[in-house]
Amino acid sequence: MTAFETEIALQDKRVSEVTRALRQRNLNNNLPFLILSEDLPEGQAYREFPDGHIEIQEIIEDGADLKSKLVRNLTRAEVVDFRLKNGLF
């Protein structure tokens, strides 16, 4: 691995650590956490809630504001699969 590749790997690790800490802080403070994913169509994202459920939401720009609209709730099985796939346990 080159020095450049090592630096990129270290930065990726730092970003992951900060993201995990922010997610945990939000959930501990009874706030949802928005998870962007390339697996969803453009304009959609996952929103994880402190009670454990996860929704797919459509994110809508309204001027400088962002609004969201529920697309659907994930089933319990989908939530488990999603967390396993993304290392969110």
Protein backbone atom coordinates (compact mmCIF):
# COMPACT_ATOMS: atom_id res chain seq x y z
CA MET A 1 0.00 0.00 0.00
CA THR A 2 1.38 3.40 -0.97
CA ALA A 3 1.58 6.33 1.43
CA PHE A 4 -1.32 7.96 -0.42
CA GLU A 5 -3.47 4.84 -0.11
CA THR A 6 -2.60 4.58 3.57
CA GLU A 7 -3.62 8.20 4.14
CA ILE A 8 -6.92 7.66 2.31
CA ALA A 9 -7.61 4.54 4.40
CA LEU A 10 -6.89 6.48 7.62
CA GLN A 11 -9.19 9.32 6.56
CA ASP A 12 -11.95 6.82 5.71
CA LYS A 13 -11.55 5.27 9.15
CA ARG A 14 -11.77 8.70 10.84
CA VAL A 15 -14.89 9.61 8.88
CA SER A 16 -16.49 6.29 9.87
CA GLU A 17 -15.63 6.83 13.54
CA VAL A 18 -17.05 10.37 13.55
CA THR A 19 -20.19 9.22 11.74
CA ARG A 20 -20.74 6.38 14.24
CA ALA A 21 -20.26 8.79 17.16
CA LEU A 22 -22.69 11.31 15.66
CA ARG A 23 -25.26 8.56 15.03
CA GLN A 24 -24.95 7.34 18.61
CA ARG A 25 -25.19 10.88 19.99
CA ASN A 26 -28.34 11.58 18.00
CA LEU A 27 -30.01 8.34 19.02
CA ASN A 28 -29.00 8.83 22.69
CA ASN A 29 -30.52 12.33 22.56
CA ASN A 30 -33.79 10.93 21.18
CA LEU A 31 -33.09 12.34 17.70
CA PRO A 32 -33.31 10.48 14.38
CA PHE A 33 -30.26 9.87 12.20
CA LEU A 34 -30.31 10.32 8.42
CA ILE A 35 -28.44 7.66 6.43
CA LEU A 36 -27.70 8.32 2.77
CA SER A 37 -27.38 5.27 0.56
CA GLU A 38 -26.60 4.59 -3.07
CA ASP A 39 -29.01 1.63 -2.79
CA LEU A 40 -31.97 4.03 -2.81
CA PRO A 41 -33.27 6.14 -5.69
CA GLU A 42 -32.04 9.71 -5.98
CA GLY A 43 -33.69 11.93 -3.39
CA GLN A 44 -34.39 9.17 -0.88
CA ALA A 45 -32.63 8.30 2.37
CA TYR A 46 -33.00 6.08 5.40
CA ARG A 47 -33.96 7.69 8.69
CA GLU A 48 -33.20 5.67 11.83
CA PHE A 49 -35.14 6.49 14.99
CA PRO A 50 -34.18 5.99 18.65
CA ASP A 51 -36.92 3.36 19.10
CA GLY A 52 -35.12 1.23 16.48
CA HIS A 53 -37.42 1.59 13.49
CA ILE A 54 -36.09 2.77 10.16
CA GLU A 55 -38.01 4.62 7.48
CA ILE A 56 -37.26 5.36 3.86
CA GLN A 57 -37.99 9.01 3.29
CA GLU A 58 -38.02 11.23 0.26
CA ILE A 59 -35.96 14.36 0.89
CA ILE A 60 -37.44 17.47 -0.70
CA GLU A 61 -35.65 20.80 -1.07
CA ASP A 62 -37.88 23.76 -0.30
CA GLY A 63 -35.69 26.79 -0.87
CA ALA A 64 -33.05 26.70 1.86
CA ASP A 65 -35.07 24.14 3.86
CA LEU A 66 -35.13 20.39 3.58
CA LYS A 67 -38.38 18.55 4.10
CA SER A 68 -39.06 14.85 4.10
CA LYS A 69 -41.96 12.63 3.17
CA LEU A 70 -42.41 9.05 4.35
CA VAL A 71 -42.04 6.51 1.56
CA ARG A 72 -42.36 3.44 3.79
CA ASN A 73 -41.25 1.79 7.03
CA LEU A 74 -38.78 -1.06 6.84
CA THR A 75 -39.98 -4.39 8.19
CA ARG A 76 -38.20 -5.84 11.23
CA ALA A 77 -36.36 -8.28 8.97
CA GLU A 78 -35.29 -5.45 6.66
CA VAL A 79 -34.04 -3.44 9.66
CA VAL A 80 -31.90 -6.37 10.84
CA ASP A 81 -30.52 -6.92 7.32
CA PHE A 82 -29.83 -3.20 6.90
CA ARG A 83 -27.96 -2.99 10.22
CA LEU A 84 -25.92 -6.11 9.48
CA LYS A 85 -25.02 -4.87 5.98
CA ASN A 86 -23.95 -1.48 7.32
CA GLY A 87 -22.32 -2.56 10.61
CA LEU A 88 -24.83 -0.66 12.74
CA PHE A 89 -25.10 -3.00 15.73
